[in-house]
Amino acid sequence: MGKIVEILKDIRPECDWEHARDFIASGMLDSFDIIVLVSELESAYPVSVDGSDILAENFSSLESIADLVRKSGGIV
């Protein structure tokens, strides 16, 4: 999950990604950030995130983002 944390820190360096509980509810990620994150994930991993998977619950934590990458065919 180190690469995911690096990507998140590039998007929002002021946030403590390793200790946060809910990225969406806490306001750490907004809709624009999620689009940027998807683009960065697709560049960093051999995945293509389906539009139907761009849901808040898939971006609420490090684990949910890692699960999305795995579901999309990547290895975290």
PDB file of N, CA and C in Angstrom:
ATOM      1  N   MET A   1       0.813  -1.207   0.000  1.00  0.00           N
ATOM      2  CA  MET A   1       0.000   0.000   0.000  1.00  0.00           C
ATOM      3  C   MET A   1       0.852   1.264   0.000  1.00  0.00           C
ATOM      4  N   GLY A   2       2.159   1.080   0.044  1.00  0.00           N
ATOM      5  CA  GLY A   2       3.048   2.231   0.061  1.00  0.00           C
ATOM      6  C   GLY A   2       2.875   3.144  -1.134  1.00  0.00           C
ATOM      7  N   LYS A   3       2.692   2.557  -2.311  1.00  0.00           N
ATOM      8  CA  LYS A   3       2.516   3.366  -3.524  1.00  0.00           C
ATOM      9  C   LYS A   3       1.219   4.167  -3.454  1.00  0.00           C
ATOM     10  N   ILE A   4       0.170   3.576  -2.902  1.00  0.00           N
ATOM     11  CA  ILE A   4      -1.101   4.292  -2.764  1.00  0.00           C
ATOM     12  C   ILE A   4      -0.924   5.489  -1.839  1.00  0.00           C
ATOM     13  N   VAL A   5      -0.208   5.303  -0.744  1.00  0.00           N
ATOM     14  CA  VAL A   5       0.047   6.413   0.187  1.00  0.00           C
ATOM     15  C   VAL A   5       0.847   7.508  -0.517  1.00  0.00           C
ATOM     16  N   GLU A   6       1.853   7.126  -1.299  1.00  0.00           N
ATOM     17  CA  GLU A   6       2.639   8.113  -2.048  1.00  0.00           C
ATOM     18  C   GLU A   6       1.752   8.929  -2.983  1.00  0.00           C
ATOM     19  N   ILE A   7       0.861   8.257  -3.686  1.00  0.00           N
ATOM     20  CA  ILE A   7      -0.040   8.947  -4.612  1.00  0.00           C
ATOM     21  C   ILE A   7      -0.938   9.909  -3.844  1.00  0.00           C
ATOM     22  N   LEU A   8      -1.502   9.439  -2.736  1.00  0.00           N
ATOM     23  CA  LEU A   8      -2.374  10.293  -1.929  1.00  0.00           C
ATOM     24  C   LEU A   8      -1.614  11.503  -1.389  1.00  0.00           C
ATOM     25  N   LYS A   9      -0.361  11.300  -0.972  1.00  0.00           N
ATOM     26  CA  LYS A   9       0.448  12.416  -0.465  1.00  0.00           C
ATOM     27  C   LYS A   9       0.764  13.417  -1.567  1.00  0.00           C
ATOM     28  N   ASP A  10       0.896  12.945  -2.802  1.00  0.00           N
ATOM     29  CA  ASP A  10       1.101  13.862  -3.919  1.00  0.00           C
ATOM     30  C   ASP A  10      -0.143  14.716  -4.158  1.00  0.00           C
ATOM     31  N   ILE A  11      -1.315  14.111  -3.972  1.00  0.00           N
ATOM     32  CA  ILE A  11      -2.573  14.829  -4.190  1.00  0.00           C
ATOM     33  C   ILE A  11      -2.852  15.807  -3.056  1.00  0.00           C
ATOM     34  N   ARG A  12      -2.705  15.340  -1.826  1.00  0.00           N
ATOM     35  CA  ARG A  12      -2.980  16.162  -0.634  1.00  0.00           C
ATOM     36  C   ARG A  12      -1.867  15.938   0.398  1.00  0.00           C
ATOM     37  N   PRO A  13      -0.740  16.632   0.253  1.00  0.00           N
ATOM     38  CA  PRO A  13       0.399  16.394   1.144  1.00  0.00           C
ATOM     39  C   PRO A  13       0.144  16.744   2.610  1.00  0.00           C
ATOM     40  N   GLU A  14      -0.833  17.567   2.867  1.00  0.00           N
ATOM     41  CA  GLU A  14      -1.103  17.998   4.249  1.00  0.00           C
ATOM     42  C   GLU A  14      -1.849  16.952   5.080  1.00  0.00           C
ATOM     43  N   CYS A  15      -2.333  15.902   4.458  1.00  0.00           N
ATOM     44  CA  CYS A  15      -3.160  14.912   5.163  1.00  0.00           C
ATOM     45  C   CYS A  15      -2.320  13.762   5.727  1.00  0.00           C
ATOM     46  N   ASP A  16      -2.765  13.227   6.843  1.00  0.00           N
ATOM     47  CA  ASP A  16      -2.126  12.076   7.486  1.00  0.00           C
ATOM     48  C   ASP A  16      -2.868  10.810   7.040  1.00  0.00           C
ATOM     49  N   TRP A  17      -2.503  10.308   5.880  1.00  0.00           N
ATOM     50  CA  TRP A  17      -3.229   9.206   5.248  1.00  0.00           C
ATOM     51  C   TRP A  17      -3.147   7.908   6.031  1.00  0.00           C
ATOM     52  N   GLU A  18      -2.019   7.651   6.670  1.00  0.00           N
ATOM     53  CA  GLU A  18      -1.847   6.382   7.378  1.00  0.00           C
ATOM     54  C   GLU A  18      -2.746   6.253   8.605  1.00  0.00           C
ATOM     55  N   HIS A  19      -3.160   7.368   9.192  1.00  0.00           N
ATOM     56  CA  HIS A  19      -3.930   7.311  10.436  1.00  0.00           C
ATOM     57  C   HIS A  19      -5.385   7.761  10.294  1.00  0.00           C
ATOM     58  N   ALA A  20      -5.768   8.194   9.121  1.00  0.00           N
ATOM     59  CA  ALA A  20      -7.140   8.676   8.910  1.00  0.00           C
ATOM     60  C   ALA A  20      -8.120   7.507   8.868  1.00  0.00           C
ATOM     61  N   ARG A  21      -9.349   7.772   9.252  1.00  0.00           N
ATOM     62  CA  ARG A  21     -10.375   6.718   9.294  1.00  0.00           C
ATOM     63  C   ARG A  21     -11.283   6.718   8.067  1.00  0.00           C
ATOM     64  N   ASP A  22     -11.769   7.854   7.647  1.00  0.00           N
ATOM     65  CA  ASP A  22     -12.677   7.909   6.496  1.00  0.00           C
ATOM     66  C   ASP A  22     -12.315   9.123   5.651  1.00  0.00           C
ATOM     67  N   PHE A  23     -11.662   8.867   4.532  1.00  0.00           N
ATOM     68  CA  PHE A  23     -11.155   9.946   3.692  1.00  0.00           C
ATOM     69  C   PHE A  23     -12.260  10.846   3.144  1.00  0.00           C
ATOM     70  N   ILE A  24     -13.416  10.288   2.865  1.00  0.00           N
ATOM     71  CA  ILE A  24     -14.509  11.059   2.277  1.00  0.00           C
ATOM     72  C   ILE A  24     -15.222  11.875   3.351  1.00  0.00           C
ATOM     73  N   ALA A  25     -15.657  11.216   4.409  1.00  0.00           N
ATOM     74  CA  ALA A  25     -16.408  11.897   5.473  1.00  0.00           C
ATOM     75  C   ALA A  25     -15.577  12.990   6.138  1.00  0.00           C
ATOM     76  N   SER A  26     -14.272  12.777   6.227  1.00  0.00           N
ATOM     77  CA  SER A  26     -13.404  13.765   6.869  1.00  0.00           C
ATOM     78  C   SER A  26     -13.056  14.926   5.941  1.00  0.00           C
ATOM     79  N   GLY A  27     -13.426  14.811   4.663  1.00  0.00           N
ATOM     80  CA  GLY A  27     -13.137  15.874   3.701  1.00  0.00           C
ATOM     81  C   GLY A  27     -11.726  15.829   3.135  1.00  0.00           C
ATOM     82  N   MET A  28     -11.010  14.750   3.391  1.00  0.00           N
ATOM     83  CA  MET A  28      -9.646  14.632   2.874  1.00  0.00           C
ATOM     84  C   MET A  28      -9.630  14.451   1.357  1.00  0.00           C
ATOM     85  N   LEU A  29     -10.638  13.796   0.817  1.00  0.00           N
ATOM     86  CA  LEU A  29     -10.774  13.620  -0.630  1.00  0.00           C
ATOM     87  C   LEU A  29     -12.107  14.184  -1.080  1.00  0.00           C
ATOM     88  N   ASP A  30     -12.068  14.952  -2.160  1.00  0.00           N
ATOM     89  CA  ASP A  30     -13.314  15.403  -2.769  1.00  0.00           C
ATOM     90  C   ASP A  30     -13.429  14.747  -4.150  1.00  0.00           C
ATOM     91  N   SER A  31     -14.459  15.080  -4.888  1.00  0.00           N
ATOM     92  CA  SER A  31     -14.708  14.406  -6.165  1.00  0.00           C
ATOM     93  C   SER A  31     -13.577  14.636  -7.167  1.00  0.00           C
ATOM     94  N   PHE A  32     -13.026  15.835  -7.198  1.00  0.00           N
ATOM     95  CA  PHE A  32     -11.908  16.100  -8.106  1.00  0.00           C
ATOM     96  C   PHE A  32     -10.694  15.266  -7.712  1.00  0.00           C
ATOM     97  N   ASP A  33     -10.410  15.191  -6.411  1.00  0.00           N
ATOM     98  CA  ASP A  33      -9.288  14.377  -5.928  1.00  0.00           C
ATOM     99  C   ASP A  33      -9.452  12.917  -6.335  1.00  0.00           C
ATOM    100  N   ILE A  34     -10.671  12.413  -6.288  1.00  0.00           N
ATOM    101  CA  ILE A  34     -10.920  11.017  -6.650  1.00  0.00           C
ATOM    102  C   ILE A  34     -10.615  10.785  -8.123  1.00  0.00           C
ATOM    103  N   ILE A  35     -10.987  11.718  -8.982  1.00  0.00           N
ATOM    104  CA  ILE A  35     -10.691  11.584 -10.413  1.00  0.00           C
ATOM    105  C   ILE A  35      -9.178  11.583 -10.634  1.00  0.00           C
ATOM    106  N   VAL A  36      -8.475  12.482  -9.954  1.00  0.00           N
ATOM    107  CA  VAL A  36      -7.014  12.512 -10.051  1.00  0.00           C
ATOM    108  C   VAL A  36      -6.430  11.204  -9.523  1.00  0.00           C
ATOM    109  N   LEU A  37      -6.942  10.728  -8.402  1.00  0.00           N
ATOM    110  CA  LEU A  37      -6.465   9.480  -7.804  1.00  0.00           C
ATOM    111  C   LEU A  37      -6.658   8.306  -8.759  1.00  0.00           C
ATOM    112  N   VAL A  38      -7.815   8.203  -9.381  1.00  0.00           N
ATOM    113  CA  VAL A  38      -8.069   7.117 -10.337  1.00  0.00           C
ATOM    114  C   VAL A  38      -7.051   7.177 -11.472  1.00  0.00           C
ATOM    115  N   SER A  39      -6.808   8.358 -11.998  1.00  0.00           N
ATOM    116  CA  SER A  39      -5.834   8.516 -13.075  1.00  0.00           C
ATOM    117  C   SER A  39      -4.443   8.078 -12.627  1.00  0.00           C
ATOM    118  N   GLU A  40      -4.054   8.476 -11.429  1.00  0.00           N
ATOM    119  CA  GLU A  40      -2.741   8.102 -10.898  1.00  0.00           C
ATOM    120  C   GLU A  40      -2.649   6.598 -10.621  1.00  0.00           C
ATOM    121  N   LEU A  41      -3.720   6.007 -10.117  1.00  0.00           N
ATOM    122  CA  LEU A  41      -3.730   4.560  -9.883  1.00  0.00           C
ATOM    123  C   LEU A  41      -3.582   3.805 -11.197  1.00  0.00           C
ATOM    124  N   GLU A  42      -4.268   4.274 -12.229  1.00  0.00           N
ATOM    125  CA  GLU A  42      -4.187   3.617 -13.535  1.00  0.00           C
ATOM    126  C   GLU A  42      -2.797   3.757 -14.147  1.00  0.00           C
ATOM    127  N   SER A  43      -2.079   4.817 -13.787  1.00  0.00           N
ATOM    128  CA  SER A  43      -0.699   4.984 -14.257  1.00  0.00           C
ATOM    129  C   SER A  43       0.282   4.135 -13.455  1.00  0.00           C
ATOM    130  N   ALA A  44       0.026   4.001 -12.163  1.00  0.00           N
ATOM    131  CA  ALA A  44       0.958   3.300 -11.274  1.00  0.00           C
ATOM    132  C   ALA A  44       0.792   1.785 -11.294  1.00  0.00           C
ATOM    133  N   TYR A  45      -0.412   1.321 -11.580  1.00  0.00           N
ATOM    134  CA  TYR A  45      -0.724  -0.110 -11.565  1.00  0.00           C
ATOM    135  C   TYR A  45      -1.302  -0.504 -12.923  1.00  0.00           C
ATOM    136  N   PRO A  46      -1.162  -1.772 -13.301  1.00  0.00           N
ATOM    137  CA  PRO A  46      -1.747  -2.220 -14.571  1.00  0.00           C
ATOM    138  C   PRO A  46      -3.258  -2.449 -14.421  1.00  0.00           C
ATOM    139  N   VAL A  47      -3.995  -1.369 -14.185  1.00  0.00           N
ATOM    140  CA  VAL A  47      -5.437  -1.478 -13.963  1.00  0.00           C
ATOM    141  C   VAL A  47      -6.186  -0.453 -14.798  1.00  0.00           C
ATOM    142  N   SER A  48      -7.448  -0.731 -14.985  1.00  0.00           N
ATOM    143  CA  SER A  48      -8.388   0.214 -15.570  1.00  0.00           C
ATOM    144  C   SER A  48      -9.612   0.206 -14.666  1.00  0.00           C
ATOM    145  N   VAL A  49      -9.819   1.310 -13.963  1.00  0.00           N
ATOM    146  CA  VAL A  49     -10.931   1.398 -13.020  1.00  0.00           C
ATOM    147  C   VAL A  49     -12.205   1.697 -13.797  1.00  0.00           C
ATOM    148  N   ASP A  50     -13.183   0.829 -13.640  1.00  0.00           N
ATOM    149  CA  ASP A  50     -14.471   1.000 -14.301  1.00  0.00           C
ATOM    150  C   ASP A  50     -15.224   2.170 -13.673  1.00  0.00           C
ATOM    151  N   GLY A  51     -15.908   2.935 -14.503  1.00  0.00           N
ATOM    152  CA  GLY A  51     -16.678   4.073 -14.007  1.00  0.00           C
ATOM    153  C   GLY A  51     -17.685   3.698 -12.942  1.00  0.00           C
ATOM    154  N   SER A  52     -18.237   2.490 -13.029  1.00  0.00           N
ATOM    155  CA  SER A  52     -19.219   2.056 -12.032  1.00  0.00           C
ATOM    156  C   SER A  52     -18.579   1.803 -10.669  1.00  0.00           C
ATOM    157  N   ASP A  53     -17.240   1.738 -10.626  1.00  0.00           N
ATOM    158  CA  ASP A  53     -16.533   1.536  -9.360  1.00  0.00           C
ATOM    159  C   ASP A  53     -16.119   2.848  -8.694  1.00  0.00           C
ATOM    160  N   ILE A  54     -16.409   3.961  -9.342  1.00  0.00           N
ATOM    161  CA  ILE A  54     -16.059   5.256  -8.750  1.00  0.00           C
ATOM    162  C   ILE A  54     -17.180   5.654  -7.798  1.00  0.00           C
ATOM    163  N   LEU A  55     -17.122   5.031  -6.628  1.00  0.00           N
ATOM    164  CA  LEU A  55     -18.095   5.229  -5.553  1.00  0.00           C
ATOM    165  C   LEU A  55     -17.345   5.622  -4.293  1.00  0.00           C
ATOM    166  N   ALA A  56     -17.969   6.425  -3.456  1.00  0.00           N
ATOM    167  CA  ALA A  56     -17.322   6.905  -2.230  1.00  0.00           C
ATOM    168  C   ALA A  56     -16.763   5.767  -1.393  1.00  0.00           C
ATOM    169  N   GLU A  57     -17.489   4.671  -1.280  1.00  0.00           N
ATOM    170  CA  GLU A  57     -17.021   3.578  -0.418  1.00  0.00           C
ATOM    171  C   GLU A  57     -15.726   2.936  -0.916  1.00  0.00           C
ATOM    172  N   ASN A  58     -15.410   3.101  -2.196  1.00  0.00           N
ATOM    173  CA  ASN A  58     -14.165   2.547  -2.727  1.00  0.00           C
ATOM    174  C   ASN A  58     -12.959   3.445  -2.480  1.00  0.00           C
ATOM    175  N   PHE A  59     -13.196   4.626  -1.909  1.00  0.00           N
ATOM    176  CA  PHE A  59     -12.123   5.591  -1.682  1.00  0.00           C
ATOM    177  C   PHE A  59     -12.105   6.114  -0.253  1.00  0.00           C
ATOM    178  N   SER A  60     -12.721   5.394   0.658  1.00  0.00           N
ATOM    179  CA  SER A  60     -12.861   5.883   2.030  1.00  0.00           C
ATOM    180  C   SER A  60     -11.678   5.548   2.933  1.00  0.00           C
ATOM    181  N   SER A  61     -10.814   4.618   2.509  1.00  0.00           N
ATOM    182  CA  SER A  61      -9.674   4.222   3.340  1.00  0.00           C
ATOM    183  C   SER A  61      -8.582   3.634   2.451  1.00  0.00           C
ATOM    184  N   LEU A  62      -7.405   3.465   3.027  1.00  0.00           N
ATOM    185  CA  LEU A  62      -6.325   2.817   2.281  1.00  0.00           C
ATOM    186  C   LEU A  62      -6.733   1.415   1.853  1.00  0.00           C
ATOM    187  N   GLU A  63      -7.369   0.688   2.758  1.00  0.00           N
ATOM    188  CA  GLU A  63      -7.781  -0.686   2.447  1.00  0.00           C
ATOM    189  C   GLU A  63      -8.818  -0.723   1.324  1.00  0.00           C
ATOM    190  N   SER A  64      -9.775   0.190   1.336  1.00  0.00           N
ATOM    191  CA  SER A  64     -10.793   0.177   0.278  1.00  0.00           C
ATOM    192  C   SER A  64     -10.183   0.540  -1.075  1.00  0.00           C
ATOM    193  N   ILE A  65      -9.198   1.441  -1.083  1.00  0.00           N
ATOM    194  CA  ILE A  65      -8.521   1.782  -2.339  1.00  0.00           C
ATOM    195  C   ILE A  65      -7.692   0.591  -2.818  1.00  0.00           C
ATOM    196  N   ALA A  66      -6.984  -0.068  -1.909  1.00  0.00           N
ATOM    197  CA  ALA A  66      -6.210  -1.262  -2.274  1.00  0.00           C
ATOM    198  C   ALA A  66      -7.131  -2.357  -2.809  1.00  0.00           C
ATOM    199  N   ASP A  67      -8.285  -2.537  -2.190  1.00  0.00           N
ATOM    200  CA  ASP A  67      -9.262  -3.522  -2.671  1.00  0.00           C
ATOM    201  C   ASP A  67      -9.720  -3.186  -4.085  1.00  0.00           C
ATOM    202  N   LEU A  68      -9.935  -1.905  -4.354  1.00  0.00           N
ATOM    203  CA  LEU A  68     -10.347  -1.475  -5.693  1.00  0.00           C
ATOM    204  C   LEU A  68      -9.257  -1.800  -6.711  1.00  0.00           C
ATOM    205  N   VAL A  69      -8.006  -1.527  -6.363  1.00  0.00           N
ATOM    206  CA  VAL A  69      -6.893  -1.835  -7.270  1.00  0.00           C
ATOM    207  C   VAL A  69      -6.848  -3.339  -7.536  1.00  0.00           C
ATOM    208  N   ARG A  70      -6.978  -4.134  -6.482  1.00  0.00           N
ATOM    209  CA  ARG A  70      -6.979  -5.600  -6.651  1.00  0.00           C
ATOM    210  C   ARG A  70      -8.145  -6.046  -7.531  1.00  0.00           C
ATOM    211  N   LYS A  71      -9.325  -5.512  -7.261  1.00  0.00           N
ATOM    212  CA  LYS A  71     -10.523  -5.869  -8.033  1.00  0.00           C
ATOM    213  C   LYS A  71     -10.349  -5.509  -9.509  1.00  0.00           C
ATOM    214  N   SER A  72      -9.610  -4.433  -9.760  1.00  0.00           N
ATOM    215  CA  SER A  72      -9.404  -3.965 -11.128  1.00  0.00           C
ATOM    216  C   SER A  72      -8.242  -4.674 -11.817  1.00  0.00           C
ATOM    217  N   GLY A  73      -7.639  -5.638 -11.119  1.00  0.00           N
ATOM    218  CA  GLY A  73      -6.609  -6.456 -11.734  1.00  0.00           C
ATOM    219  C   GLY A  73      -5.186  -6.152 -11.323  1.00  0.00           C
ATOM    220  N   GLY A  74      -5.005  -5.259 -10.371  1.00  0.00           N
ATOM    221  CA  GLY A  74      -3.654  -4.903  -9.944  1.00  0.00           C
ATOM    222  C   GLY A  74      -3.220  -5.654  -8.703  1.00  0.00           C
ATOM    223  N   ILE A  75      -1.932  -5.596  -8.443  1.00  0.00           N
ATOM    224  CA  ILE A  75      -1.364  -6.196  -7.238  1.00  0.00           C
ATOM    225  C   ILE A  75      -0.815  -5.072  -6.383  1.00  0.00           C
ATOM    226  N   VAL A  76      -1.259  -5.030  -5.131  1.00  0.00           N
ATOM    227  CA  VAL A  76      -0.836  -3.958  -4.223  1.00  0.00           C
ATOM    228  C   VAL A  76       0.264  -4.469  -3.331  1.00  0.00           C
TER     229      VAL A  76
END
